[in-house]
Amino acid sequence: FISTALLHESFPTLECISFGYSNGTVGPLHISVASSVLLTKIHQSLQQYSNFFKDLAKPDAKQTWYFPRLDVIQFGINYNEAELLEALTMIVESRFNNCATKSIRSISMSKVGHTGLLSGDSYVERLRLIVPEVIVRVDGFERY
């Protein structure tokens, strides 16, 4: 798995990150930096993506924030989304309260499977209070 530190070292001006699922497995991590796109084909566990999100929610040991310009996050979820949503909420709240980083302005989530995110989900509701654009899609249809 590519570490957050390595990605930050290579792409410190990263503004958008997206990853998702393909055929029920975690799909490639797509990283957009300005107008160019780096595509790395990584097939890792939900836990590793959650840990990646947790790294983005706080400064590192040197008090440097990873990707301080990051303001767009796009991802697909398949199952056990609570852990990922909790980590995402930590990112949004910590960056909103910190002057060293941009606030997250857009989050787009896609749910694969028969059940989708509920509009009353506490994490989604907390995100909607802080993030100007929160898009949730279930099986390709926009939910809210």
Protein backbone atom coordinates (compact mmCIF):
# COMPACT_ATOMS: atom_id res chain seq x y z
CA PHE A 1 0.00 0.00 0.00
CA ILE A 2 1.32 3.46 -0.83
CA SER A 3 1.80 5.43 2.37
CA THR A 4 0.28 8.84 2.96
CA ALA A 5 3.75 10.25 3.65
CA LEU A 6 5.12 8.98 0.33
CA LEU A 7 2.18 10.40 -1.61
CA HIS A 8 2.50 13.74 0.16
CA GLU A 9 6.22 13.87 -0.55
CA SER A 10 5.54 13.20 -4.25
CA PHE A 11 2.40 15.35 -4.61
CA PRO A 12 2.26 18.02 -1.90
CA THR A 13 -0.21 20.14 -3.90
CA LEU A 14 -2.79 17.36 -4.26
CA GLU A 15 -6.31 18.83 -4.34
CA CYS A 16 -8.56 15.85 -5.16
CA ILE A 17 -8.43 12.20 -4.26
CA SER A 18 -10.77 9.42 -5.32
CA PHE A 19 -10.97 5.68 -4.92
CA GLY A 20 -13.66 3.10 -5.28
CA TYR A 21 -14.79 -0.42 -5.85
CA SER A 22 -14.75 -2.52 -8.96
CA ASN A 23 -16.72 -5.76 -9.09
CA GLY A 24 -17.03 -5.89 -5.30
CA THR A 25 -13.34 -5.37 -4.53
CA VAL A 26 -11.52 -2.23 -3.56
CA GLY A 27 -10.53 -0.50 -6.75
CA PRO A 28 -7.64 1.67 -7.79
CA LEU A 29 -6.71 4.85 -5.96
CA HIS A 30 -6.96 7.83 -8.32
CA ILE A 31 -5.10 10.95 -7.32
CA SER A 32 -5.64 14.22 -9.13
CA VAL A 33 -3.07 16.97 -8.83
CA ALA A 34 -4.17 20.16 -10.58
CA SER A 35 -5.00 19.09 -14.15
CA SER A 36 -2.91 15.92 -14.27
CA VAL A 37 -4.05 12.54 -12.98
CA LEU A 38 -1.93 9.83 -11.46
CA LEU A 39 -3.55 6.41 -11.53
CA THR A 40 -2.12 3.81 -9.23
CA LYS A 41 -3.67 0.37 -9.26
CA ILE A 42 -3.85 -0.58 -5.64
CA HIS A 43 -6.11 -3.30 -4.34
CA GLN A 44 -6.16 -3.01 -0.57
CA SER A 45 -8.55 -3.46 2.30
CA LEU A 46 -11.11 -1.05 3.61
CA GLN A 47 -9.04 -0.87 6.81
CA GLN A 48 -6.06 0.48 4.87
CA TYR A 49 -8.23 3.14 3.22
CA SER A 50 -9.63 4.04 6.62
CA ASN A 51 -6.09 4.39 7.99
CA PHE A 52 -5.20 6.58 5.00
CA PHE A 53 -8.16 8.83 5.88
CA LYS A 54 -7.07 8.96 9.52
CA ASP A 55 -3.63 10.18 8.41
CA LEU A 56 -5.32 13.07 6.61
CA ALA A 57 -7.22 14.10 9.75
CA LYS A 58 -4.19 15.28 11.71
CA PRO A 59 -0.69 16.65 11.19
CA ASP A 60 2.24 14.25 11.14
CA ALA A 61 4.93 14.01 13.85
CA LYS A 62 6.60 17.16 12.48
CA GLN A 63 3.25 19.01 12.70
CA THR A 64 2.97 19.09 8.90
CA TRP A 65 -0.46 18.43 7.38
CA TYR A 66 -0.61 15.95 4.53
CA PHE A 67 -2.07 17.54 1.39
CA PRO A 68 -3.02 20.93 2.87
CA ARG A 69 -4.73 21.92 -0.42
CA LEU A 70 -6.99 18.86 -0.50
CA ASP A 71 -10.60 19.95 -0.84
CA VAL A 72 -12.34 17.20 -2.88
CA ILE A 73 -12.79 13.56 -1.83
CA GLN A 74 -14.61 11.00 -3.99
CA PHE A 75 -15.00 7.34 -3.15
CA GLY A 76 -17.13 4.24 -3.47
CA ILE A 77 -18.13 2.07 -0.56
CA ASN A 78 -19.31 -1.50 -0.54
CA TYR A 79 -19.72 -2.70 3.05
CA ASN A 80 -18.79 -1.74 6.62
CA GLU A 81 -18.88 1.91 5.65
CA ALA A 82 -19.21 3.17 9.25
CA GLU A 83 -15.45 3.02 9.91
CA LEU A 84 -14.67 4.84 6.68
CA LEU A 85 -17.36 7.47 7.28
CA GLU A 86 -16.07 8.03 10.81
CA ALA A 87 -12.55 8.63 9.48
CA LEU A 88 -13.91 10.92 6.74
CA THR A 89 -15.82 12.94 9.34
CA MET A 90 -12.59 13.32 11.34
CA ILE A 91 -10.84 14.72 8.24
CA VAL A 92 -13.58 17.22 7.53
CA GLU A 93 -13.93 18.46 11.10
CA SER A 94 -10.20 18.78 11.80
CA ARG A 95 -9.47 20.58 8.51
CA PHE A 96 -12.46 22.88 9.00
CA ASN A 97 -11.00 23.97 12.36
CA ASN A 98 -7.43 24.46 11.11
CA CYS A 99 -5.98 27.47 9.28
CA ALA A 100 -3.06 25.46 7.81
CA THR A 101 -5.35 23.49 5.47
CA LYS A 102 -8.17 24.13 3.04
CA SER A 103 -11.58 22.97 4.19
CA ILE A 104 -13.13 20.07 2.31
CA ARG A 105 -15.65 21.61 -0.11
CA SER A 106 -16.92 18.50 -1.90
CA ILE A 107 -17.49 14.85 -1.00
CA SER A 108 -18.99 12.36 -3.42
CA MET A 109 -19.82 8.84 -2.20
CA SER A 110 -21.17 5.93 -4.21
CA LYS A 111 -22.69 2.90 -2.54
CA VAL A 112 -22.58 -0.46 -4.31
CA GLY A 113 -25.05 -3.12 -3.29
CA HIS A 114 -28.66 -3.62 -2.33
CA THR A 115 -28.71 -1.32 0.67
CA GLY A 116 -27.61 2.27 0.59
CA LEU A 117 -26.64 4.92 3.04
CA LEU A 118 -29.60 6.11 5.00
CA SER A 119 -30.40 9.82 4.89
CA GLY A 120 -30.44 9.76 8.70
CA ASP A 121 -26.91 8.34 8.98
CA SER A 122 -25.24 10.40 11.70
CA TYR A 123 -21.91 10.68 9.89
CA VAL A 124 -23.50 11.83 6.64
CA GLU A 125 -25.62 14.36 8.53
CA ARG A 126 -22.53 15.75 10.31
CA LEU A 127 -20.72 16.04 6.97
CA ARG A 128 -23.64 17.90 5.43
CA LEU A 129 -23.39 20.56 8.17
CA ILE A 130 -19.79 21.45 7.25
CA VAL A 131 -19.21 20.45 3.62
CA PRO A 132 -20.98 22.62 1.00
CA GLU A 133 -21.39 19.73 -1.46
CA VAL A 134 -22.13 16.21 -0.22
CA ILE A 135 -23.35 13.82 -2.90
CA VAL A 136 -24.44 10.28 -2.07
CA ARG A 137 -25.31 7.85 -4.84
CA VAL A 138 -26.71 4.36 -4.46
CA ASP A 139 -26.12 1.98 -7.38
CA GLY A 140 -25.48 4.96 -9.64
CA PHE A 141 -28.57 6.96 -8.61
CA GLU A 142 -28.19 10.19 -6.69
CA ARG A 143 -29.76 9.75 -3.27
CA TYR A 144 -29.28 13.20 -1.72
